[in-house]
Amino acid sequence: MSATVDVKLEDQQKINAFSRLNTKMHELEAQLAAKKSEAEDLDEAGNEVMLLDDEVVPYVVGECLVHLPREEVEEKVQQALDEAQARIREIEGEMRDVRARMQELKTTLYARFGSSINLED
């Protein structure tokens, strides 16, 4: 017969915190994938613009297509790429923080409940 462990309010709060962090981690992973894809697209676009011989090139602003000087488009694409890369670094930092907090909670909860709790995805 296995012994049951009483779940205290504090334990339940930690379990709930872990669950929220796990959900946040999944959201951050999706954001990171999207931002990395955006950065790759911007990098490719920047390379394509550099290869153009035209002095005026098309550039999408919102839902409009405008023609701008090639140098200006190169700058705009590079600026967007820099912003995407900065956001990637921010997301990765947030993910490290969330993972660290999840690991703390896992350690505490597994110490208390042992194999009677499963904190994996």
PDB file of N, CA and C in Angstrom:
ATOM      1  N   MET A   1       0.860  -1.177   0.000  1.00  0.00           N
ATOM      2  CA  MET A   1       0.000   0.000   0.000  1.00  0.00           C
ATOM      3  C   MET A   1       0.901   1.233   0.000  1.00  0.00           C
ATOM      4  N   SER A   2       0.638   2.181  -0.888  1.00  0.00           N
ATOM      5  CA  SER A   2       1.459   3.381  -0.945  1.00  0.00           C
ATOM      6  C   SER A   2       0.911   4.446  -0.002  1.00  0.00           C
ATOM      7  N   ALA A   3       1.831   5.190   0.551  1.00  0.00           N
ATOM      8  CA  ALA A   3       1.445   6.262   1.470  1.00  0.00           C
ATOM      9  C   ALA A   3       1.085   7.498   0.657  1.00  0.00           C
ATOM     10  N   THR A   4       0.040   8.179   1.061  1.00  0.00           N
ATOM     11  CA  THR A   4      -0.343   9.410   0.370  1.00  0.00           C
ATOM     12  C   THR A   4       0.275  10.588   1.099  1.00  0.00           C
ATOM     13  N   VAL A   5       0.603  11.584   0.351  1.00  0.00           N
ATOM     14  CA  VAL A   5       1.197  12.788   0.900  1.00  0.00           C
ATOM     15  C   VAL A   5       0.142  13.880   0.850  1.00  0.00           C
ATOM     16  N   ASP A   6      -0.061  14.540   1.952  1.00  0.00           N
ATOM     17  CA  ASP A   6      -1.026  15.636   1.978  1.00  0.00           C
ATOM     18  C   ASP A   6      -0.485  16.807   1.166  1.00  0.00           C
ATOM     19  N   VAL A   7      -1.346  17.366   0.350  1.00  0.00           N
ATOM     20  CA  VAL A   7      -0.969  18.527  -0.448  1.00  0.00           C
ATOM     21  C   VAL A   7      -1.433  19.766   0.294  1.00  0.00           C
ATOM     22  N   LYS A   8      -0.472  20.540   0.726  1.00  0.00           N
ATOM     23  CA  LYS A   8      -0.775  21.766   1.457  1.00  0.00           C
ATOM     24  C   LYS A   8      -1.025  22.897   0.464  1.00  0.00           C
ATOM     25  N   LEU A   9      -1.590  23.972   0.963  1.00  0.00           N
ATOM     26  CA  LEU A   9      -1.861  25.136   0.125  1.00  0.00           C
ATOM     27  C   LEU A   9      -0.572  25.629  -0.528  1.00  0.00           C
ATOM     28  N   GLU A  10       0.490  25.680   0.224  1.00  0.00           N
ATOM     29  CA  GLU A  10       1.779  26.130  -0.302  1.00  0.00           C
ATOM     30  C   GLU A  10       2.249  25.224  -1.444  1.00  0.00           C
ATOM     31  N   ASP A  11       2.046  23.924  -1.289  1.00  0.00           N
ATOM     32  CA  ASP A  11       2.414  22.974  -2.349  1.00  0.00           C
ATOM     33  C   ASP A  11       1.587  23.232  -3.606  1.00  0.00           C
ATOM     34  N   GLN A  12       0.295  23.411  -3.436  1.00  0.00           N
ATOM     35  CA  GLN A  12      -0.592  23.652  -4.572  1.00  0.00           C
ATOM     36  C   GLN A  12      -0.216  24.946  -5.281  1.00  0.00           C
ATOM     37  N   GLN A  13       0.183  25.956  -4.518  1.00  0.00           N
ATOM     38  CA  GLN A  13       0.604  27.212  -5.129  1.00  0.00           C
ATOM     39  C   GLN A  13       1.863  27.016  -5.965  1.00  0.00           C
ATOM     40  N   LYS A  14       2.780  26.189  -5.478  1.00  0.00           N
ATOM     41  CA  LYS A  14       3.998  25.907  -6.235  1.00  0.00           C
ATOM     42  C   LYS A  14       3.684  25.111  -7.499  1.00  0.00           C
ATOM     43  N   ILE A  15       2.779  24.165  -7.388  1.00  0.00           N
ATOM     44  CA  ILE A  15       2.369  23.388  -8.564  1.00  0.00           C
ATOM     45  C   ILE A  15       1.721  24.306  -9.597  1.00  0.00           C
ATOM     46  N   ASN A  16       0.862  25.204  -9.136  1.00  0.00           N
ATOM     47  CA  ASN A  16       0.215  26.156 -10.045  1.00  0.00           C
ATOM     48  C   ASN A  16       1.239  27.095 -10.682  1.00  0.00           C
ATOM     49  N   ALA A  17       2.217  27.543  -9.891  1.00  0.00           N
ATOM     50  CA  ALA A  17       3.267  28.416 -10.421  1.00  0.00           C
ATOM     51  C   ALA A  17       4.060  27.685 -11.506  1.00  0.00           C
ATOM     52  N   PHE A  18       4.370  26.418 -11.261  1.00  0.00           N
ATOM     53  CA  PHE A  18       5.089  25.624 -12.256  1.00  0.00           C
ATOM     54  C   PHE A  18       4.272  25.514 -13.542  1.00  0.00           C
ATOM     55  N   SER A  19       2.988  25.270 -13.397  1.00  0.00           N
ATOM     56  CA  SER A  19       2.116  25.146 -14.561  1.00  0.00           C
ATOM     57  C   SER A  19       2.079  26.449 -15.367  1.00  0.00           C
ATOM     58  N   ARG A  20       1.974  27.560 -14.680  1.00  0.00           N
ATOM     59  CA  ARG A  20       1.969  28.862 -15.373  1.00  0.00           C
ATOM     60  C   ARG A  20       3.298  29.097 -16.095  1.00  0.00           C
ATOM     61  N   LEU A  21       4.412  28.758 -15.422  1.00  0.00           N
ATOM     62  CA  LEU A  21       5.725  28.923 -16.044  1.00  0.00           C
ATOM     63  C   LEU A  21       5.876  28.008 -17.260  1.00  0.00           C
ATOM     64  N   ASN A  22       5.344  26.809 -17.169  1.00  0.00           N
ATOM     65  CA  ASN A  22       5.396  25.869 -18.286  1.00  0.00           C
ATOM     66  C   ASN A  22       4.625  26.425 -19.487  1.00  0.00           C
ATOM     67  N   THR A  23       3.457  26.997 -19.222  1.00  0.00           N
ATOM     68  CA  THR A  23       2.670  27.623 -20.287  1.00  0.00           C
ATOM     69  C   THR A  23       3.433  28.797 -20.891  1.00  0.00           C
ATOM     70  N   LYS A  24       4.043  29.610 -20.031  1.00  0.00           N
ATOM     71  CA  LYS A  24       4.822  30.753 -20.510  1.00  0.00           C
ATOM     72  C   LYS A  24       5.999  30.279 -21.367  1.00  0.00           C
ATOM     73  N   MET A  25       6.630  29.175 -20.965  1.00  0.00           N
ATOM     74  CA  MET A  25       7.760  28.649 -21.728  1.00  0.00           C
ATOM     75  C   MET A  25       7.311  28.259 -23.134  1.00  0.00           C
ATOM     76  N   HIS A  26       6.162  27.613 -23.239  1.00  0.00           N
ATOM     77  CA  HIS A  26       5.644  27.242 -24.565  1.00  0.00           C
ATOM     78  C   HIS A  26       5.356  28.485 -25.408  1.00  0.00           C
ATOM     79  N   GLU A  27       4.812  29.520 -24.787  1.00  0.00           N
ATOM     80  CA  GLU A  27       4.545  30.772 -25.513  1.00  0.00           C
ATOM     81  C   GLU A  27       5.853  31.406 -25.975  1.00  0.00           C
ATOM     82  N   LEU A  28       6.861  31.415 -25.113  1.00  0.00           N
ATOM     83  CA  LEU A  28       8.155  31.988 -25.480  1.00  0.00           C
ATOM     84  C   LEU A  28       8.813  31.193 -26.600  1.00  0.00           C
ATOM     85  N   GLU A  29       8.681  29.872 -26.563  1.00  0.00           N
ATOM     86  CA  GLU A  29       9.241  29.047 -27.637  1.00  0.00           C
ATOM     87  C   GLU A  29       8.593  29.385 -28.976  1.00  0.00           C
ATOM     88  N   ALA A  30       7.292  29.604 -28.970  1.00  0.00           N
ATOM     89  CA  ALA A  30       6.586  29.968 -30.213  1.00  0.00           C
ATOM     90  C   ALA A  30       7.027  31.351 -30.687  1.00  0.00           C
ATOM     91  N   GLN A  31       7.161  32.293 -29.756  1.00  0.00           N
ATOM     92  CA  GLN A  31       7.617  33.640 -30.113  1.00  0.00           C
ATOM     93  C   GLN A  31       9.029  33.587 -30.692  1.00  0.00           C
ATOM     94  N   LEU A  32       9.886  32.783 -30.064  1.00  0.00           N
ATOM     95  CA  LEU A  32      11.267  32.671 -30.523  1.00  0.00           C
ATOM     96  C   LEU A  32      11.322  32.100 -31.938  1.00  0.00           C
ATOM     97  N   ALA A  33      10.560  31.058 -32.192  1.00  0.00           N
ATOM     98  CA  ALA A  33      10.543  30.458 -33.535  1.00  0.00           C
ATOM     99  C   ALA A  33      10.071  31.470 -34.577  1.00  0.00           C
ATOM    100  N   ALA A  34       9.025  32.218 -34.244  1.00  0.00           N
ATOM    101  CA  ALA A  34       8.502  33.219 -35.179  1.00  0.00           C
ATOM    102  C   ALA A  34       9.525  34.324 -35.423  1.00  0.00           C
ATOM    103  N   LYS A  35      10.186  34.771 -34.360  1.00  0.00           N
ATOM    104  CA  LYS A  35      11.148  35.867 -34.496  1.00  0.00           C
ATOM    105  C   LYS A  35      12.387  35.406 -35.259  1.00  0.00           C
ATOM    106  N   LYS A  36      12.803  34.156 -35.056  1.00  0.00           N
ATOM    107  CA  LYS A  36      13.947  33.633 -35.811  1.00  0.00           C
ATOM    108  C   LYS A  36      13.603  33.528 -37.297  1.00  0.00           C
ATOM    109  N   SER A  37      12.384  33.106 -37.596  1.00  0.00           N
ATOM    110  CA  SER A  37      11.944  33.018 -38.985  1.00  0.00           C
ATOM    111  C   SER A  37      11.922  34.418 -39.613  1.00  0.00           C
ATOM    112  N   GLU A  38      11.419  35.381 -38.853  1.00  0.00           N
ATOM    113  CA  GLU A  38      11.392  36.763 -39.338  1.00  0.00           C
ATOM    114  C   GLU A  38      12.805  37.266 -39.614  1.00  0.00           C
ATOM    115  N   ALA A  39      13.738  36.973 -38.708  1.00  0.00           N
ATOM    116  CA  ALA A  39      15.125  37.418 -38.876  1.00  0.00           C
ATOM    117  C   ALA A  39      15.747  36.784 -40.128  1.00  0.00           C
ATOM    118  N   GLU A  40      15.470  35.505 -40.353  1.00  0.00           N
ATOM    119  CA  GLU A  40      15.986  34.842 -41.559  1.00  0.00           C
ATOM    120  C   GLU A  40      15.426  35.492 -42.812  1.00  0.00           C
ATOM    121  N   ASP A  41      14.123  35.786 -42.804  1.00  0.00           N
ATOM    122  CA  ASP A  41      13.496  36.432 -43.960  1.00  0.00           C
ATOM    123  C   ASP A  41      14.108  37.807 -44.212  1.00  0.00           C
ATOM    124  N   LEU A  42      14.334  38.562 -43.138  1.00  0.00           N
ATOM    125  CA  LEU A  42      14.929  39.890 -43.280  1.00  0.00           C
ATOM    126  C   LEU A  42      16.356  39.806 -43.799  1.00  0.00           C
ATOM    127  N   ASP A  43      17.104  38.826 -43.333  1.00  0.00           N
ATOM    128  CA  ASP A  43      18.477  38.640 -43.797  1.00  0.00           C
ATOM    129  C   ASP A  43      18.485  38.328 -45.293  1.00  0.00           C
ATOM    130  N   GLU A  44      17.590  37.433 -45.709  1.00  0.00           N
ATOM    131  CA  GLU A  44      17.487  37.103 -47.135  1.00  0.00           C
ATOM    132  C   GLU A  44      17.063  38.320 -47.956  1.00  0.00           C
ATOM    133  N   ALA A  45      16.109  39.081 -47.430  1.00  0.00           N
ATOM    134  CA  ALA A  45      15.651  40.280 -48.140  1.00  0.00           C
ATOM    135  C   ALA A  45      16.782  41.286 -48.276  1.00  0.00           C
ATOM    136  N   GLY A  46      17.547  41.453 -47.204  1.00  0.00           N
ATOM    137  CA  GLY A  46      18.688  42.369 -47.260  1.00  0.00           C
ATOM    138  C   GLY A  46      19.697  41.955 -48.302  1.00  0.00           C
ATOM    139  N   ASN A  47      19.963  40.660 -48.394  1.00  0.00           N
ATOM    140  CA  ASN A  47      20.899  40.164 -49.410  1.00  0.00           C
ATOM    141  C   ASN A  47      20.359  40.400 -50.814  1.00  0.00           C
ATOM    142  N   GLU A  48      19.065  40.189 -51.011  1.00  0.00           N
ATOM    143  CA  GLU A  48      18.457  40.411 -52.322  1.00  0.00           C
ATOM    144  C   GLU A  48      18.517  41.887 -52.725  1.00  0.00           C
ATOM    145  N   VAL A  49      18.259  42.768 -51.780  1.00  0.00           N
ATOM    146  CA  VAL A  49      18.292  44.208 -52.078  1.00  0.00           C
ATOM    147  C   VAL A  49      19.703  44.627 -52.481  1.00  0.00           C
ATOM    148  N   MET A  50      20.711  44.072 -51.806  1.00  0.00           N
ATOM    149  CA  MET A  50      22.100  44.428 -52.137  1.00  0.00           C
ATOM    150  C   MET A  50      22.470  43.993 -53.550  1.00  0.00           C
ATOM    151  N   LEU A  51      21.846  42.930 -54.028  1.00  0.00           N
ATOM    152  CA  LEU A  51      22.164  42.418 -55.358  1.00  0.00           C
ATOM    153  C   LEU A  51      21.477  43.189 -56.482  1.00  0.00           C
ATOM    154  N   LEU A  52      20.489  44.008 -56.130  1.00  0.00           N
ATOM    155  CA  LEU A  52      19.758  44.761 -57.147  1.00  0.00           C
ATOM    156  C   LEU A  52      20.625  45.864 -57.750  1.00  0.00           C
ATOM    157  N   ASP A  53      20.463  46.071 -59.029  1.00  0.00           N
ATOM    158  CA  ASP A  53      21.188  47.140 -59.707  1.00  0.00           C
ATOM    159  C   ASP A  53      20.397  48.438 -59.715  1.00  0.00           C
ATOM    160  N   ASP A  54      19.106  48.341 -59.439  1.00  0.00           N
ATOM    161  CA  ASP A  54      18.242  49.510 -59.494  1.00  0.00           C
ATOM    162  C   ASP A  54      18.565  50.472 -58.351  1.00  0.00           C
ATOM    163  N   GLU A  55      18.426  51.746 -58.643  1.00  0.00           N
ATOM    164  CA  GLU A  55      18.636  52.761 -57.601  1.00  0.00           C
ATOM    165  C   GLU A  55      17.386  52.961 -56.762  1.00  0.00           C
ATOM    166  N   VAL A  56      16.215  52.623 -57.322  1.00  0.00           N
ATOM    167  CA  VAL A  56      14.947  52.711 -56.610  1.00  0.00           C
ATOM    168  C   VAL A  56      14.350  51.306 -56.589  1.00  0.00           C
ATOM    169  N   VAL A  57      13.979  50.868 -55.374  1.00  0.00           N
ATOM    170  CA  VAL A  57      13.451  49.503 -55.244  1.00  0.00           C
ATOM    171  C   VAL A  57      12.120  49.539 -54.497  1.00  0.00           C
ATOM    172  N   PRO A  58      11.276  48.539 -54.744  1.00  0.00           N
ATOM    173  CA  PRO A  58       9.994  48.484 -54.030  1.00  0.00           C
ATOM    174  C   PRO A  58      10.202  48.082 -52.575  1.00  0.00           C
ATOM    175  N   TYR A  59       9.378  48.674 -51.703  1.00  0.00           N
ATOM    176  CA  TYR A  59       9.445  48.392 -50.268  1.00  0.00           C
ATOM    177  C   TYR A  59       8.027  48.431 -49.719  1.00  0.00           C
ATOM    178  N   VAL A  60       7.667  47.432 -48.931  1.00  0.00           N
ATOM    179  CA  VAL A  60       6.315  47.354 -48.385  1.00  0.00           C
ATOM    180  C   VAL A  60       6.260  48.101 -47.057  1.00  0.00           C
ATOM    181  N   VAL A  61       5.297  49.030 -46.981  1.00  0.00           N
ATOM    182  CA  VAL A  61       5.030  49.754 -45.737  1.00  0.00           C
ATOM    183  C   VAL A  61       3.573  49.493 -45.402  1.00  0.00           C
ATOM    184  N   GLY A  62       3.353  48.683 -44.359  1.00  0.00           N
ATOM    185  CA  GLY A  62       1.984  48.304 -44.035  1.00  0.00           C
ATOM    186  C   GLY A  62       1.420  47.469 -45.161  1.00  0.00           C
ATOM    187  N   GLU A  63       0.377  48.000 -45.800  1.00  0.00           N
ATOM    188  CA  GLU A  63      -0.219  47.302 -46.935  1.00  0.00           C
ATOM    189  C   GLU A  63       0.087  48.003 -48.252  1.00  0.00           C
ATOM    190  N   CYS A  64       0.982  48.981 -48.200  1.00  0.00           N
ATOM    191  CA  CYS A  64       1.319  49.751 -49.404  1.00  0.00           C
ATOM    192  C   CYS A  64       2.710  49.386 -49.909  1.00  0.00           C
ATOM    193  N   LEU A  65       2.848  49.432 -51.200  1.00  0.00           N
ATOM    194  CA  LEU A  65       4.136  49.211 -51.830  1.00  0.00           C
ATOM    195  C   LEU A  65       4.633  50.571 -52.304  1.00  0.00           C
ATOM    196  N   VAL A  66       5.800  50.974 -51.802  1.00  0.00           N
ATOM    197  CA  VAL A  66       6.382  52.255 -52.194  1.00  0.00           C
ATOM    198  C   VAL A  66       7.751  51.996 -52.818  1.00  0.00           C
ATOM    199  N   HIS A  67       8.201  52.951 -53.591  1.00  0.00           N
ATOM    200  CA  HIS A  67       9.524  52.846 -54.201  1.00  0.00           C
ATOM    201  C   HIS A  67      10.439  53.828 -53.480  1.00  0.00           C
ATOM    202  N   LEU A  68      11.533  53.293 -52.950  1.00  0.00           N
ATOM    203  CA  LEU A  68      12.485  54.089 -52.188  1.00  0.00           C
ATOM    204  C   LEU A  68      13.885  53.881 -52.747  1.00  0.00           C
ATOM    205  N   PRO A  69      14.773  54.806 -52.433  1.00  0.00           N
ATOM    206  CA  PRO A  69      16.172  54.596 -52.841  1.00  0.00           C
ATOM    207  C   PRO A  69      16.719  53.307 -52.216  1.00  0.00           C
ATOM    208  N   ARG A  70      17.521  52.588 -52.989  1.00  0.00           N
ATOM    209  CA  ARG A  70      18.047  51.296 -52.537  1.00  0.00           C
ATOM    210  C   ARG A  70      18.762  51.411 -51.200  1.00  0.00           C
ATOM    211  N   GLU A  71      19.558  52.447 -51.003  1.00  0.00           N
ATOM    212  CA  GLU A  71      20.297  52.616 -49.753  1.00  0.00           C
ATOM    213  C   GLU A  71      19.341  52.749 -48.560  1.00  0.00           C
ATOM    214  N   GLU A  72      18.245  53.459 -48.756  1.00  0.00           N
ATOM    215  CA  GLU A  72      17.265  53.632 -47.679  1.00  0.00           C
ATOM    216  C   GLU A  72      16.590  52.301 -47.335  1.00  0.00           C
ATOM    217  N   VAL A  73      16.286  51.525 -48.368  1.00  0.00           N
ATOM    218  CA  VAL A  73      15.678  50.211 -48.142  1.00  0.00           C
ATOM    219  C   VAL A  73      16.669  49.306 -47.405  1.00  0.00           C
ATOM    220  N   GLU A  74      17.932  49.341 -47.819  1.00  0.00           N
ATOM    221  CA  GLU A  74      18.954  48.543 -47.125  1.00  0.00           C
ATOM    222  C   GLU A  74      19.013  48.904 -45.643  1.00  0.00           C
ATOM    223  N   GLU A  75      18.971  50.207 -45.349  1.00  0.00           N
ATOM    224  CA  GLU A  75      19.008  50.662 -43.955  1.00  0.00           C
ATOM    225  C   GLU A  75      17.775  50.187 -43.184  1.00  0.00           C
ATOM    226  N   LYS A  76      16.608  50.292 -43.808  1.00  0.00           N
ATOM    227  CA  LYS A  76      15.365  49.875 -43.139  1.00  0.00           C
ATOM    228  C   LYS A  76      15.362  48.370 -42.863  1.00  0.00           C
ATOM    229  N   VAL A  77      15.817  47.592 -43.819  1.00  0.00           N
ATOM    230  CA  VAL A  77      15.862  46.145 -43.642  1.00  0.00           C
ATOM    231  C   VAL A  77      16.872  45.792 -42.547  1.00  0.00           C
ATOM    232  N   GLN A  78      18.035  46.450 -42.554  1.00  0.00           N
ATOM    233  CA  GLN A  78      19.044  46.184 -41.530  1.00  0.00           C
ATOM    234  C   GLN A  78      18.545  46.577 -40.146  1.00  0.00           C
ATOM    235  N   GLN A  79      17.833  47.701 -40.064  1.00  0.00           N
ATOM    236  CA  GLN A  79      17.277  48.136 -38.787  1.00  0.00           C
ATOM    237  C   GLN A  79      16.244  47.123 -38.280  1.00  0.00           C
ATOM    238  N   ALA A  80      15.393  46.647 -39.160  1.00  0.00           N
ATOM    239  CA  ALA A  80      14.399  45.642 -38.775  1.00  0.00           C
ATOM    240  C   ALA A  80      15.086  44.346 -38.343  1.00  0.00           C
ATOM    241  N   LEU A  81      16.154  43.963 -39.029  1.00  0.00           N
ATOM    242  CA  LEU A  81      16.903  42.763 -38.661  1.00  0.00           C
ATOM    243  C   LEU A  81      17.548  42.928 -37.288  1.00  0.00           C
ATOM    244  N   ASP A  82      18.138  44.094 -37.050  1.00  0.00           N
ATOM    245  CA  ASP A  82      18.752  44.363 -35.740  1.00  0.00           C
ATOM    246  C   ASP A  82      17.717  44.286 -34.620  1.00  0.00           C
ATOM    247  N   GLU A  83      16.530  44.844 -34.881  1.00  0.00           N
ATOM    248  CA  GLU A  83      15.454  44.803 -33.880  1.00  0.00           C
ATOM    249  C   GLU A  83      14.993  43.365 -33.635  1.00  0.00           C
ATOM    250  N   ALA A  84      14.891  42.568 -34.692  1.00  0.00           N
ATOM    251  CA  ALA A  84      14.480  41.169 -34.550  1.00  0.00           C
ATOM    252  C   ALA A  84      15.528  40.394 -33.754  1.00  0.00           C
ATOM    253  N   GLN A  85      16.795  40.627 -34.033  1.00  0.00           N
ATOM    254  CA  GLN A  85      17.860  39.935 -33.306  1.00  0.00           C
ATOM    255  C   GLN A  85      17.894  40.348 -31.836  1.00  0.00           C
ATOM    256  N   ALA A  86      17.619  41.613 -31.562  1.00  0.00           N
ATOM    257  CA  ALA A  86      17.559  42.077 -30.167  1.00  0.00           C
ATOM    258  C   ALA A  86      16.406  41.405 -29.433  1.00  0.00           C
ATOM    259  N   ARG A  87      15.277  41.287 -30.113  1.00  0.00           N
ATOM    260  CA  ARG A  87      14.119  40.621 -29.497  1.00  0.00           C
ATOM    261  C   ARG A  87      14.401  39.135 -29.272  1.00  0.00           C
ATOM    262  N   ILE A  88      15.125  38.514 -30.183  1.00  0.00           N
ATOM    263  CA  ILE A  88      15.513  37.112 -30.010  1.00  0.00           C
ATOM    264  C   ILE A  88      16.338  36.967 -28.735  1.00  0.00           C
ATOM    265  N   ARG A  89      17.292  37.858 -28.533  1.00  0.00           N
ATOM    266  CA  ARG A  89      18.120  37.807 -27.317  1.00  0.00           C
ATOM    267  C   ARG A  89      17.273  38.016 -26.065  1.00  0.00           C
ATOM    268  N   GLU A  90      16.303  38.924 -26.129  1.00  0.00           N
ATOM    269  CA  GLU A  90      15.403  39.158 -24.985  1.00  0.00           C
ATOM    270  C   GLU A  90      14.597  37.902 -24.663  1.00  0.00           C
ATOM    271  N   ILE A  91      14.036  37.290 -25.693  1.00  0.00           N
ATOM    272  CA  ILE A  91      13.227  36.085 -25.496  1.00  0.00           C
ATOM    273  C   ILE A  91      14.085  34.973 -24.904  1.00  0.00           C
ATOM    274  N   GLU A  92      15.295  34.803 -25.432  1.00  0.00           N
ATOM    275  CA  GLU A  92      16.183  33.765 -24.909  1.00  0.00           C
ATOM    276  C   GLU A  92      16.521  34.025 -23.444  1.00  0.00           C
ATOM    277  N   GLY A  93      16.695  35.289 -23.068  1.00  0.00           N
ATOM    278  CA  GLY A  93      16.938  35.632 -21.668  1.00  0.00           C
ATOM    279  C   GLY A  93      15.738  35.306 -20.792  1.00  0.00           C
ATOM    280  N   GLU A  94      14.544  35.639 -21.293  1.00  0.00           N
ATOM    281  CA  GLU A  94      13.323  35.304 -20.552  1.00  0.00           C
ATOM    282  C   GLU A  94      13.203  33.793 -20.377  1.00  0.00           C
ATOM    283  N   MET A  95      13.549  33.053 -21.424  1.00  0.00           N
ATOM    284  CA  MET A  95      13.461  31.596 -21.349  1.00  0.00           C
ATOM    285  C   MET A  95      14.435  31.040 -20.310  1.00  0.00           C
ATOM    286  N   ARG A  96      15.645  31.605 -20.236  1.00  0.00           N
ATOM    287  CA  ARG A  96      16.601  31.162 -19.214  1.00  0.00           C
ATOM    288  C   ARG A  96      16.047  31.399 -17.815  1.00  0.00           C
ATOM    289  N   ASP A  97      15.448  32.571 -17.614  1.00  0.00           N
ATOM    290  CA  ASP A  97      14.872  32.896 -16.304  1.00  0.00           C
ATOM    291  C   ASP A  97      13.735  31.938 -15.945  1.00  0.00           C
ATOM    292  N   VAL A  98      12.854  31.676 -16.910  1.00  0.00           N
ATOM    293  CA  VAL A  98      11.719  30.779 -16.674  1.00  0.00           C
ATOM    294  C   VAL A  98      12.225  29.365 -16.377  1.00  0.00           C
ATOM    295  N   ARG A  99      13.212  28.908 -17.154  1.00  0.00           N
ATOM    296  CA  ARG A  99      13.761  27.558 -16.920  1.00  0.00           C
ATOM    297  C   ARG A  99      14.361  27.442 -15.518  1.00  0.00           C
ATOM    298  N   ALA A 100      15.083  28.482 -15.103  1.00  0.00           N
ATOM    299  CA  ALA A 100      15.703  28.462 -13.774  1.00  0.00           C
ATOM    300  C   ALA A 100      14.641  28.381 -12.686  1.00  0.00           C
ATOM    301  N   ARG A 101      13.603  29.165 -12.825  1.00  0.00           N
ATOM    302  CA  ARG A 101      12.522  29.144 -11.826  1.00  0.00           C
ATOM    303  C   ARG A 101      11.797  27.799 -11.842  1.00  0.00           C
ATOM    304  N   MET A 102      11.568  27.252 -13.025  1.00  0.00           N
ATOM    305  CA  MET A 102      10.926  25.941 -13.124  1.00  0.00           C
ATOM    306  C   MET A 102      11.787  24.870 -12.459  1.00  0.00           C
ATOM    307  N   GLN A 103      13.099  24.960 -12.653  1.00  0.00           N
ATOM    308  CA  GLN A 103      14.002  23.974 -12.050  1.00  0.00           C
ATOM    309  C   GLN A 103      13.953  24.067 -10.521  1.00  0.00           C
ATOM    310  N   GLU A 104      13.895  25.278  -9.979  1.00  0.00           N
ATOM    311  CA  GLU A 104      13.774  25.459  -8.531  1.00  0.00           C
ATOM    312  C   GLU A 104      12.502  24.787  -8.012  1.00  0.00           C
ATOM    313  N   LEU A 105      11.395  25.046  -8.708  1.00  0.00           N
ATOM    314  CA  LEU A 105      10.125  24.465  -8.296  1.00  0.00           C
ATOM    315  C   LEU A 105      10.144  22.947  -8.425  1.00  0.00           C
ATOM    316  N   LYS A 106      10.732  22.441  -9.505  1.00  0.00           N
ATOM    317  CA  LYS A 106      10.834  20.995  -9.692  1.00  0.00           C
ATOM    318  C   LYS A 106      11.595  20.358  -8.531  1.00  0.00           C
ATOM    319  N   THR A 107      12.726  20.948  -8.184  1.00  0.00           N
ATOM    320  CA  THR A 107      13.553  20.414  -7.103  1.00  0.00           C
ATOM    321  C   THR A 107      12.764  20.356  -5.809  1.00  0.00           C
ATOM    322  N   THR A 108      12.081  21.450  -5.488  1.00  0.00           N
ATOM    323  CA  THR A 108      11.290  21.512  -4.259  1.00  0.00           C
ATOM    324  C   THR A 108      10.149  20.508  -4.278  1.00  0.00           C
ATOM    325  N   LEU A 109       9.419  20.466  -5.377  1.00  0.00           N
ATOM    326  CA  LEU A 109       8.245  19.599  -5.445  1.00  0.00           C
ATOM    327  C   LEU A 109       8.609  18.119  -5.516  1.00  0.00           C
ATOM    328  N   TYR A 110       9.664  17.773  -6.256  1.00  0.00           N
ATOM    329  CA  TYR A 110      10.079  16.374  -6.308  1.00  0.00           C
ATOM    330  C   TYR A 110      10.616  15.925  -4.944  1.00  0.00           C
ATOM    331  N   ALA A 111      11.278  16.844  -4.228  1.00  0.00           N
ATOM    332  CA  ALA A 111      11.756  16.504  -2.886  1.00  0.00           C
ATOM    333  C   ALA A 111      10.570  16.202  -1.961  1.00  0.00           C
ATOM    334  N   ARG A 112       9.500  16.919  -2.141  1.00  0.00           N
ATOM    335  CA  ARG A 112       8.322  16.731  -1.276  1.00  0.00           C
ATOM    336  C   ARG A 112       7.466  15.537  -1.695  1.00  0.00           C
ATOM    337  N   PHE A 113       7.254  15.368  -3.021  1.00  0.00           N
ATOM    338  CA  PHE A 113       6.309  14.363  -3.494  1.00  0.00           C
ATOM    339  C   PHE A 113       6.952  13.147  -4.146  1.00  0.00           C
ATOM    340  N   GLY A 114       8.238  13.241  -4.482  1.00  0.00           N
ATOM    341  CA  GLY A 114       8.905  12.107  -5.108  1.00  0.00           C
ATOM    342  C   GLY A 114       8.273  11.734  -6.439  1.00  0.00           C
ATOM    343  N   SER A 115       8.091  10.451  -6.659  1.00  0.00           N
ATOM    344  CA  SER A 115       7.571   9.983  -7.940  1.00  0.00           C
ATOM    345  C   SER A 115       6.052  10.099  -8.040  1.00  0.00           C
ATOM    346  N   SER A 116       5.406  10.593  -7.001  1.00  0.00           N
ATOM    347  CA  SER A 116       3.945  10.732  -7.066  1.00  0.00           C
ATOM    348  C   SER A 116       3.509  11.994  -7.794  1.00  0.00           C
ATOM    349  N   ILE A 117       4.481  12.752  -8.292  1.00  0.00           N
ATOM    350  CA  ILE A 117       4.166  13.960  -9.066  1.00  0.00           C
ATOM    351  C   ILE A 117       4.966  13.925 -10.361  1.00  0.00           C
ATOM    352  N   ASN A 118       4.363  14.418 -11.440  1.00  0.00           N
ATOM    353  CA  ASN A 118       5.028  14.462 -12.733  1.00  0.00           C
ATOM    354  C   ASN A 118       4.997  15.903 -13.222  1.00  0.00           C
ATOM    355  N   LEU A 119       6.176  16.500 -13.313  1.00  0.00           N
ATOM    356  CA  LEU A 119       6.265  17.901 -13.724  1.00  0.00           C
ATOM    357  C   LEU A 119       6.907  18.044 -15.100  1.00  0.00           C
ATOM    358  N   GLU A 120       6.804  17.031 -15.904  1.00  0.00           N
ATOM    359  CA  GLU A 120       7.358  17.099 -17.258  1.00  0.00           C
ATOM    360  C   GLU A 120       6.266  17.531 -18.209  1.00  0.00           C
ATOM    361  N   ASP A 121       6.672  17.965 -19.409  1.00  0.00           N
ATOM    362  CA  ASP A 121       5.712  18.392 -20.431  1.00  0.00           C
ATOM    363  C   ASP A 121       4.785  17.275 -20.802  1.00  0.00           C
TER     364      ASP A 121
END
